[in-house]
Amino acid sequence: MNNLECLTDGGTCVALVPMQSALATSGNVLEFKKKLMAYHTLEAVLSMPDELFFNSKVGVVSCIMVFTAHKAHPKHKETFFGYFKNDGFVKRKIQGRFDAYNQWILSKKNGFLHF
């Protein structure tokens, strides 16, 4: 909410948040989501790989949320939902998550990414 308030009208905010916050259907988080949508538009939600932060002390499943600032979310607006759980990276005990099969490099070279 603080990031969105700092933006000019129509500005874009991209936030990495815990998936459980995005999916909340009750309690304080739901009330916060309602307040957020009353002032800002949710453009997209992108799921991220479950072990994105494998080598850190953060063990949370995350998603990326994209908002347009200072424009209330229209009642019948379609929001893009992207499923990006498989980014081609593999997990190794010592190396963590990495592109063992060069899928990321090949996708970038070809001008598109396969998820």
Protein backbone atom coordinates (compact mmCIF):
# COMPACT_ATOMS: atom_id res chain seq x y z
CA MET A 1 0.00 0.00 0.00
CA ASN A 2 2.87 2.38 0.83
CA ASN A 3 4.54 1.77 -2.53
CA LEU A 4 1.31 2.44 -4.41
CA GLU A 5 0.72 5.68 -2.50
CA CYS A 6 4.14 6.95 -3.64
CA LEU A 7 3.29 6.50 -7.33
CA THR A 8 1.61 9.00 -9.62
CA ASP A 9 -1.87 8.24 -10.97
CA GLY A 10 -1.67 5.29 -13.35
CA GLY A 11 1.82 4.27 -12.17
CA THR A 12 2.72 0.59 -11.98
CA CYS A 13 3.71 -1.28 -8.84
CA VAL A 14 5.21 -4.77 -9.02
CA ALA A 15 5.31 -6.53 -5.66
CA LEU A 16 6.65 -9.91 -4.57
CA VAL A 17 4.33 -11.20 -1.83
CA PRO A 18 3.62 -14.45 0.01
CA MET A 19 1.06 -16.54 -1.85
CA GLN A 20 -0.93 -17.01 1.37
CA SER A 21 -1.54 -13.25 1.46
CA ALA A 22 -2.79 -13.22 -2.11
CA LEU A 23 -5.16 -16.12 -1.43
CA ALA A 24 -6.50 -15.00 1.96
CA THR A 25 -10.28 -15.24 2.23
CA SER A 26 -10.82 -14.07 5.78
CA GLY A 27 -9.47 -11.94 8.60
CA ASN A 28 -7.30 -8.84 8.53
CA VAL A 29 -5.58 -9.78 5.27
CA LEU A 30 -8.92 -9.98 3.44
CA GLU A 31 -9.92 -6.57 4.80
CA PHE A 32 -6.59 -5.16 3.66
CA LYS A 33 -7.10 -6.65 0.18
CA LYS A 34 -10.54 -5.02 -0.07
CA LYS A 35 -9.07 -1.65 0.89
CA LEU A 36 -6.26 -2.10 -1.62
CA MET A 37 -8.69 -2.88 -4.46
CA ALA A 38 -10.88 0.10 -3.55
CA TYR A 39 -8.02 2.43 -4.51
CA HIS A 40 -5.83 0.45 -6.92
CA THR A 41 -6.29 -1.99 -9.84
CA LEU A 42 -4.89 -5.50 -9.77
CA GLU A 43 -3.56 -6.15 -13.29
CA ALA A 44 -1.82 -9.51 -12.86
CA VAL A 45 -0.78 -12.23 -10.45
CA LEU A 46 2.14 -14.47 -11.39
CA SER A 47 2.85 -17.61 -9.36
CA MET A 48 6.51 -18.26 -8.72
CA PRO A 49 8.39 -21.56 -8.23
CA ASP A 50 7.75 -23.05 -4.78
CA GLU A 51 11.42 -23.13 -3.86
CA LEU A 52 12.38 -19.76 -5.34
CA PHE A 53 14.22 -18.81 -2.14
CA PHE A 54 15.71 -22.27 -1.55
CA ASN A 55 19.12 -21.06 -0.26
CA SER A 56 17.72 -18.42 2.05
CA LYS A 57 16.05 -18.46 5.42
CA VAL A 58 12.77 -17.57 3.70
CA GLY A 59 10.71 -20.69 3.14
CA VAL A 60 7.61 -19.13 1.66
CA VAL A 61 5.76 -19.75 -1.61
CA SER A 62 5.52 -16.42 -3.40
CA CYS A 63 3.75 -14.64 -6.21
CA ILE A 64 4.22 -11.38 -8.07
CA MET A 65 1.33 -8.93 -8.09
CA VAL A 66 1.11 -6.06 -10.57
CA PHE A 67 -1.03 -3.02 -9.70
CA THR A 68 -2.02 0.22 -11.38
CA ALA A 69 -1.96 3.00 -8.78
CA HIS A 70 -4.84 5.29 -7.85
CA LYS A 71 -7.48 3.64 -10.02
CA ALA A 72 -10.05 1.53 -8.20
CA HIS A 73 -10.32 -2.02 -9.45
CA PRO A 74 -13.35 -2.14 -11.80
CA LYS A 75 -16.01 -4.67 -10.77
CA HIS A 76 -15.80 -6.80 -13.93
CA LYS A 77 -12.14 -6.30 -14.79
CA GLU A 78 -10.29 -9.38 -15.98
CA THR A 79 -7.02 -9.89 -14.13
CA PHE A 80 -4.22 -11.91 -15.75
CA PHE A 81 -3.20 -14.97 -13.76
CA GLY A 82 0.06 -16.60 -14.85
CA TYR A 83 1.31 -19.97 -13.68
CA PHE A 84 5.11 -19.85 -13.66
CA LYS A 85 5.94 -22.65 -11.22
CA ASN A 86 8.34 -24.40 -13.59
CA ASP A 87 11.15 -22.06 -14.61
CA GLY A 88 13.45 -24.88 -15.73
CA PHE A 89 15.81 -24.48 -12.78
CA VAL A 90 16.78 -27.53 -10.73
CA LYS A 91 17.77 -27.78 -7.10
CA ARG A 92 21.14 -29.10 -5.98
CA LYS A 93 22.14 -29.38 -2.35
CA ILE A 94 25.30 -27.26 -2.61
CA GLN A 95 24.50 -25.08 -5.64
CA GLY A 96 20.89 -24.31 -4.79
CA ARG A 97 18.54 -23.54 -7.71
CA PHE A 98 20.28 -23.13 -11.05
CA ASP A 99 19.83 -23.57 -14.80
CA ALA A 100 21.45 -27.01 -15.09
CA TYR A 101 20.13 -27.69 -18.58
CA ASN A 102 20.58 -24.17 -20.03
CA GLN A 103 16.84 -23.78 -20.58
CA TRP A 104 16.86 -20.16 -19.45
CA ILE A 105 19.74 -19.21 -21.75
CA LEU A 106 18.17 -21.01 -24.75
CA SER A 107 14.78 -19.41 -24.14
CA LYS A 108 16.35 -15.97 -23.85
CA LYS A 109 18.40 -16.57 -27.02
CA ASN A 110 15.26 -17.59 -28.94
CA GLY A 111 13.39 -14.49 -27.79
CA PHE A 112 10.85 -16.22 -25.57
CA LEU A 113 10.62 -18.11 -22.35
CA HIS A 114 8.88 -21.46 -21.84
CA PHE A 115 7.17 -21.90 -18.49
